[in-house]
Amino acid sequence: MEKYAIHIESLTKRYDEVLALDQVSLHVEEGELFGLIGPDGAGKTTLIKILVTLFGADDGKASILGMDTRQAKKSIREIVGYMPGRFSLYPDLSVEENLSFFARAFDTTITENYSLIESIYDQLKPFKDRKAGALSGGMKQKLALCCALIHRPKILLLDEPTTGVDAVSRKEFWQMLRKIKSQGITILVSTPYMDEANLCDRIAFLQGGKILSIDSPKNITDQFPWQLFAIKSQQKYALIEWLRAWEKVSYCYAFGEYLHVAFEDNTIQAKALNNYLGTGSISASEITVISPTIEDTFIYLMEHGTRC
């Protein structure tokens, strides 16, 4: 069997009556930036905690570089960097003290692997004596990433690292991930933000503990089967009700100020759509054919089943 950076086969995990993971199978290639995409409660955190050996699965197998997560916990923890969803560093220690602590825990030093974190830590240097608990959300995120990288792991596992930070910090964080990837480190990152999916090499849609689809972002959006219209109207809510009542509509969801609409009959054109709106005394200021987004495809797969 080919040795993947991460290999998961029919993984199942229950919490009492809740099925958190349901026969999940996937693999991550070495050097890949792989995204786990899904809403809260989809099973992303459970899956990552199994990979870092914090949880055990009820059934199925998971391995890191060929090592079983149940049998090689110590060896796996030495080669994996982990950044949990919640800030988990020591709030009463300074930035520098936190980094030194994690370096000692992995029997290394800040100096030894400084080249890996230099571009990130340079942004923290002005605050190196500040207590970690007093940092901004974006700076806490950067410090946590430095601590996860200080032992130069082969695989980096990040659980919703951009949740709760501003848009600028989110953009900066993904730029940092690309730099880390360029140094040969495999990255698995989970996120509830659909727009971040496009920044990954491949993604897995996770919903209700099940994989809906696994592929590159482009190939994922190619799974959306219908021509898609974006409609803008001052009568947005009346427009939604009117379109959802039309038996020819197969897909109708609000995206900001626009409504995304599709028909199983791909021959329906903007003129016919506009004529139908007129029968309900609804006017559209804009009707445009658009390419489906990652979120459009996720909604479609939730409603119509998996495409793995």
Protein backbone atom coordinates (compact mmCIF):
# COMPACT_ATOMS: atom_id res chain seq x y z
CA MET A 1 0.00 0.00 0.00
CA GLU A 2 1.28 3.47 -0.88
CA LYS A 3 2.39 5.46 2.17
CA TYR A 4 0.43 8.68 2.46
CA ALA A 5 1.09 11.53 4.87
CA ILE A 6 -2.38 10.82 6.30
CA HIS A 7 -4.49 7.77 5.54
CA ILE A 8 -7.98 7.27 6.97
CA GLU A 9 -10.13 4.24 6.27
CA SER A 10 -13.77 3.77 7.36
CA LEU A 11 -13.26 5.83 10.52
CA THR A 12 -16.21 5.87 12.91
CA LYS A 13 -16.61 7.70 16.23
CA ARG A 14 -19.64 7.96 18.52
CA TYR A 15 -20.40 10.10 21.55
CA ASP A 16 -23.22 8.23 23.26
CA GLU A 17 -26.09 8.49 20.75
CA VAL A 18 -24.33 10.99 18.49
CA LEU A 19 -22.49 9.59 15.47
CA ALA A 20 -19.68 12.13 15.07
CA LEU A 21 -17.85 10.32 12.25
CA ASP A 22 -19.56 7.85 9.97
CA GLN A 23 -17.27 5.60 7.88
CA VAL A 24 -14.93 8.45 6.91
CA SER A 25 -12.22 7.57 4.39
CA LEU A 26 -9.65 9.91 2.84
CA HIS A 27 -5.94 10.35 2.27
CA VAL A 28 -3.58 13.31 2.19
CA GLU A 29 -0.48 13.28 -0.01
CA GLU A 30 2.90 14.32 1.36
CA GLY A 31 3.43 18.05 0.81
CA GLU A 32 -0.26 18.70 0.20
CA LEU A 33 -2.37 21.50 1.67
CA PHE A 34 -5.64 19.70 2.36
CA GLY A 35 -8.82 21.34 3.66
CA LEU A 36 -11.59 19.85 5.78
CA ILE A 37 -14.59 22.01 4.95
CA GLY A 38 -17.86 21.96 6.85
CA PRO A 39 -20.08 23.74 9.38
CA ASP A 40 -19.84 23.44 13.16
CA GLY A 41 -20.73 19.94 14.29
CA ALA A 42 -19.68 18.32 11.01
CA GLY A 43 -17.01 16.18 12.68
CA LYS A 44 -13.88 18.16 11.76
CA THR A 45 -12.52 18.55 15.30
CA THR A 46 -13.17 14.91 16.17
CA LEU A 47 -11.29 13.77 13.09
CA ILE A 48 -8.28 15.98 13.84
CA LYS A 49 -8.18 14.88 17.50
CA ILE A 50 -8.05 11.24 16.36
CA LEU A 51 -5.15 12.09 14.04
CA VAL A 52 -3.17 13.75 16.85
CA THR A 53 -3.92 10.70 19.07
CA LEU A 54 -6.03 12.61 21.62
CA PHE A 55 -9.10 10.50 20.80
CA GLY A 56 -9.48 6.90 19.76
CA ALA A 57 -11.86 5.79 17.01
CA ASP A 58 -14.60 3.23 17.65
CA ASP A 59 -13.97 1.58 14.30
CA GLY A 60 -11.78 1.99 11.23
CA LYS A 61 -8.12 2.95 10.87
CA ALA A 62 -6.06 6.13 10.75
CA SER A 63 -2.33 6.43 10.13
CA ILE A 64 0.27 9.19 9.98
CA LEU A 65 3.16 8.43 7.60
CA GLY A 66 2.26 4.77 7.87
CA MET A 67 2.07 4.74 11.69
CA ASP A 68 -1.21 3.63 13.27
CA THR A 69 -2.70 6.33 15.52
CA ARG A 70 -3.60 3.71 18.16
CA GLN A 71 -0.25 1.95 18.26
CA ALA A 72 2.34 4.67 17.67
CA LYS A 73 1.09 7.64 19.71
CA LYS A 74 4.49 8.79 20.96
CA SER A 75 6.15 8.61 17.53
CA ILE A 76 3.24 10.43 15.89
CA ARG A 77 3.27 13.24 18.45
CA GLU A 78 6.95 13.85 17.72
CA ILE A 79 6.34 14.52 14.00
CA VAL A 80 2.99 16.32 14.16
CA GLY A 81 2.33 19.98 14.89
CA TYR A 82 -1.14 20.69 16.30
CA MET A 83 -3.04 23.94 16.64
CA PRO A 84 -6.39 23.41 18.37
CA GLY A 85 -9.45 25.48 17.67
CA ARG A 86 -9.37 27.32 20.97
CA PHE A 87 -6.35 29.32 22.11
CA SER A 88 -4.51 26.80 24.26
CA LEU A 89 -1.22 28.47 25.16
CA TYR A 90 -0.33 29.78 28.62
CA PRO A 91 -1.99 33.20 28.99
CA ASP A 92 0.19 34.22 31.96
CA LEU A 93 3.45 33.49 30.14
CA SER A 94 4.95 35.98 27.72
CA VAL A 95 5.20 35.36 24.00
CA GLU A 96 8.86 34.37 24.30
CA GLU A 97 8.23 32.20 27.38
CA ASN A 98 5.49 30.27 25.59
CA LEU A 99 7.70 29.61 22.60
CA SER A 100 10.62 28.54 24.80
CA PHE A 101 8.36 26.22 26.78
CA PHE A 102 7.15 24.40 23.66
CA ALA A 103 10.69 24.19 22.29
CA ARG A 104 11.89 22.51 25.49
CA ALA A 105 8.90 20.15 25.45
CA PHE A 106 10.13 18.85 22.09
CA ASP A 107 13.79 18.82 23.18
CA THR A 108 14.76 21.59 20.78
CA THR A 109 15.47 25.32 20.91
CA ILE A 110 14.02 28.41 19.28
CA THR A 111 17.34 28.96 17.52
CA GLU A 112 17.51 25.47 16.01
CA ASN A 113 14.33 25.83 13.95
CA TYR A 114 14.11 29.60 13.80
CA SER A 115 14.29 29.67 9.99
CA LEU A 116 10.91 27.95 9.82
CA ILE A 117 9.10 30.48 12.00
CA GLU A 118 11.17 33.58 11.31
CA SER A 119 8.72 35.35 9.00
CA ILE A 120 5.89 34.74 11.50
CA TYR A 121 7.82 35.48 14.69
CA ASP A 122 9.20 38.74 13.29
CA GLN A 123 5.65 40.10 13.59
CA LEU A 124 5.56 39.02 17.26
CA LYS A 125 8.97 40.40 18.27
CA PRO A 126 7.65 43.82 19.33
CA PHE A 127 5.37 41.98 21.80
CA LYS A 128 7.80 39.24 22.94
CA ASP A 129 7.53 40.33 26.60
CA ARG A 130 3.74 40.72 26.54
CA LYS A 131 1.64 38.04 28.19
CA ALA A 132 -0.01 35.79 25.63
CA GLY A 133 -3.45 36.39 27.12
CA ALA A 134 -3.14 40.11 26.35
CA LEU A 135 -2.48 39.64 22.63
CA SER A 136 -5.00 40.42 19.91
CA GLY A 137 -6.77 37.52 18.20
CA GLY A 138 -4.51 37.71 15.17
CA MET A 139 -1.34 37.77 17.27
CA LYS A 140 -2.53 34.86 19.42
CA GLN A 141 -3.05 32.93 16.20
CA LYS A 142 0.49 33.66 15.01
CA LEU A 143 1.98 32.66 18.36
CA ALA A 144 0.03 29.40 18.39
CA LEU A 145 1.27 28.64 14.89
CA CYS A 146 4.88 29.32 15.93
CA CYS A 147 4.51 26.95 18.88
CA ALA A 148 3.05 24.25 16.62
CA LEU A 149 6.02 24.60 14.25
CA ILE A 150 8.88 24.99 16.73
CA HIS A 151 9.95 21.32 16.47
CA ARG A 152 9.77 21.35 12.64
CA PRO A 153 6.95 18.81 12.28
CA LYS A 154 6.44 16.79 9.12
CA ILE A 155 2.67 17.26 9.31
CA LEU A 156 0.74 20.29 10.57
CA LEU A 157 -2.84 19.81 11.79
CA LEU A 158 -4.87 22.99 12.27
CA ASP A 159 -8.39 23.04 13.70
CA GLU A 160 -10.31 26.10 12.48
CA PRO A 161 -7.30 28.41 12.92
CA THR A 162 -8.97 31.48 11.39
CA THR A 163 -12.22 31.39 13.38
CA GLY A 164 -12.78 34.60 15.31
CA VAL A 165 -10.07 36.70 13.63
CA ASP A 166 -10.49 39.64 11.28
CA ALA A 167 -10.39 39.41 7.49
CA VAL A 168 -6.86 40.82 7.22
CA SER A 169 -5.51 38.30 9.73
CA ARG A 170 -7.28 35.49 7.88
CA LYS A 171 -5.60 36.50 4.61
CA GLU A 172 -2.19 36.78 6.29
CA PHE A 173 -2.62 33.37 7.90
CA TRP A 174 -3.25 31.63 4.58
CA GLN A 175 -0.22 33.36 3.09
CA MET A 176 1.80 31.92 5.97
CA LEU A 177 0.42 28.45 5.27
CA ARG A 178 1.57 28.62 1.65
CA LYS A 179 5.08 29.50 2.82
CA ILE A 180 5.07 26.61 5.29
CA LYS A 181 3.87 24.24 2.56
CA SER A 182 6.75 25.40 0.33
CA GLN A 183 9.15 24.03 2.95
CA GLY A 184 7.80 20.51 2.46
CA ILE A 185 5.42 20.34 5.41
CA THR A 186 2.09 18.58 4.84
CA ILE A 187 -0.86 20.62 6.11
CA LEU A 188 -4.38 19.54 7.01
CA VAL A 189 -6.56 22.50 8.00
CA SER A 190 -10.23 22.57 8.94
CA THR A 191 -12.46 25.58 8.37
CA PRO A 192 -16.15 26.50 8.30
CA TYR A 193 -15.39 29.27 5.78
CA MET A 194 -16.24 28.17 2.26
CA ASP A 195 -14.11 30.89 0.64
CA GLU A 196 -10.99 29.36 2.23
CA ALA A 197 -11.59 26.10 0.36
CA ASN A 198 -10.25 27.66 -2.83
CA LEU A 199 -6.87 28.15 -1.13
CA CYS A 200 -6.33 24.39 -0.68
CA ASP A 201 -4.87 21.85 -3.11
CA ARG A 202 -7.73 19.46 -2.36
CA ILE A 203 -10.70 19.58 -0.02
CA ALA A 204 -13.12 17.21 1.66
CA PHE A 205 -16.68 18.33 2.35
CA LEU A 206 -17.75 17.01 5.76
CA GLN A 207 -21.35 17.16 6.94
CA GLY A 208 -23.01 15.21 9.74
CA GLY A 209 -19.93 13.04 10.14
CA LYS A 210 -19.95 11.95 6.48
CA ILE A 211 -17.76 12.86 3.54
CA LEU A 212 -19.83 14.44 0.76
CA SER A 213 -17.04 14.83 -1.75
CA ILE A 214 -13.23 14.93 -2.05
CA ASP A 215 -11.41 16.67 -4.89
CA SER A 216 -9.67 19.86 -5.97
CA PRO A 217 -11.76 23.04 -5.51
CA LYS A 218 -12.22 23.35 -9.29
CA ASN A 219 -13.33 19.75 -9.70
CA ILE A 220 -15.69 20.17 -6.75
CA THR A 221 -17.46 23.15 -8.30
CA ASP A 222 -17.65 21.28 -11.62
CA GLN A 223 -19.99 18.85 -9.84
CA PHE A 224 -22.72 21.48 -9.75
CA PRO A 225 -24.95 20.18 -12.58
CA TRP A 226 -27.06 23.17 -13.63
CA GLN A 227 -26.69 26.56 -15.20
CA LEU A 228 -26.71 29.08 -12.36
CA PHE A 229 -28.27 32.54 -12.32
CA ALA A 230 -27.54 35.40 -9.93
CA ILE A 231 -30.60 37.62 -9.48
CA LYS A 232 -30.77 40.99 -7.77
CA SER A 233 -34.04 42.64 -6.79
CA GLN A 234 -35.35 45.24 -4.38
CA GLN A 235 -38.08 42.69 -3.56
CA LYS A 236 -35.65 40.06 -2.31
CA TYR A 237 -37.90 38.13 0.08
CA ALA A 238 -40.89 38.16 -2.25
CA LEU A 239 -38.51 36.97 -4.98
CA ILE A 240 -37.37 33.99 -2.87
CA GLU A 241 -40.95 32.92 -2.09
CA TRP A 242 -42.07 33.32 -5.70
CA LEU A 243 -39.16 31.35 -7.16
CA ARG A 244 -39.34 28.53 -4.61
CA ALA A 245 -42.99 28.08 -5.50
CA TRP A 246 -42.08 27.53 -9.17
CA GLU A 247 -41.93 23.79 -9.88
CA LYS A 248 -39.16 24.28 -12.45
CA VAL A 249 -36.72 25.69 -9.86
CA SER A 250 -34.28 23.09 -8.53
CA TYR A 251 -32.05 25.39 -6.49
CA CYS A 252 -32.75 28.75 -4.84
CA TYR A 253 -30.65 30.33 -2.08
CA ALA A 254 -29.73 33.84 -0.94
CA PHE A 255 -26.08 34.91 -1.22
CA GLY A 256 -25.73 38.42 0.16
CA GLU A 257 -27.75 40.81 -1.98
CA TYR A 258 -28.14 38.20 -4.73
CA LEU A 259 -30.26 35.12 -5.14
CA HIS A 260 -28.64 32.07 -6.76
CA VAL A 261 -31.17 30.12 -8.83
CA ALA A 262 -30.92 27.04 -11.04
CA PHE A 263 -33.30 24.85 -13.03
CA GLU A 264 -33.10 21.15 -13.85
CA ASP A 265 -33.99 22.23 -17.37
CA ASN A 266 -30.82 23.99 -18.50
CA THR A 267 -32.58 25.39 -21.56
CA ILE A 268 -34.39 27.99 -19.45
CA GLN A 269 -32.86 31.38 -20.18
CA ALA A 270 -32.89 34.77 -18.48
CA LYS A 271 -35.79 35.99 -20.63
CA ALA A 272 -38.09 33.16 -19.48
CA LEU A 273 -37.00 33.75 -15.91
CA ASN A 274 -37.76 37.46 -16.14
CA ASN A 275 -41.17 36.73 -17.70
CA TYR A 276 -42.03 34.43 -14.79
CA LEU A 277 -41.06 37.10 -12.28
CA GLY A 278 -43.38 39.51 -14.08
CA THR A 279 -46.35 37.20 -13.42
CA GLY A 280 -45.75 37.80 -9.73
CA SER A 281 -45.30 41.56 -10.19
CA ILE A 282 -41.62 41.19 -9.20
CA SER A 283 -38.92 43.10 -11.03
CA ALA A 284 -35.24 42.13 -11.14
CA SER A 285 -32.58 44.77 -11.58
CA GLU A 286 -30.04 42.17 -12.62
CA ILE A 287 -30.12 38.60 -13.96
CA THR A 288 -26.71 37.12 -14.77
CA VAL A 289 -25.37 33.65 -15.54
CA ILE A 290 -22.54 32.89 -13.09
CA SER A 291 -20.17 30.07 -12.23
CA PRO A 292 -21.15 28.10 -9.10
CA THR A 293 -19.20 28.76 -5.92
CA ILE A 294 -17.84 26.20 -3.47
CA GLU A 295 -20.80 27.01 -1.22
CA ASP A 296 -23.30 26.41 -4.03
CA THR A 297 -21.80 22.97 -4.59
CA PHE A 298 -21.76 22.17 -0.87
CA ILE A 299 -25.47 22.97 -0.61
CA TYR A 300 -26.21 20.91 -3.71
CA LEU A 301 -24.30 17.90 -2.33
CA MET A 302 -26.08 18.16 1.02
CA GLU A 303 -29.44 18.04 -0.75
CA HIS A 304 -28.67 15.44 -3.40
CA GLY A 305 -26.14 13.08 -1.83
CA THR A 306 -22.45 12.37 -2.08
CA ARG A 307 -20.22 12.38 -5.13
CA CYS A 308 -17.15 10.62 -3.66
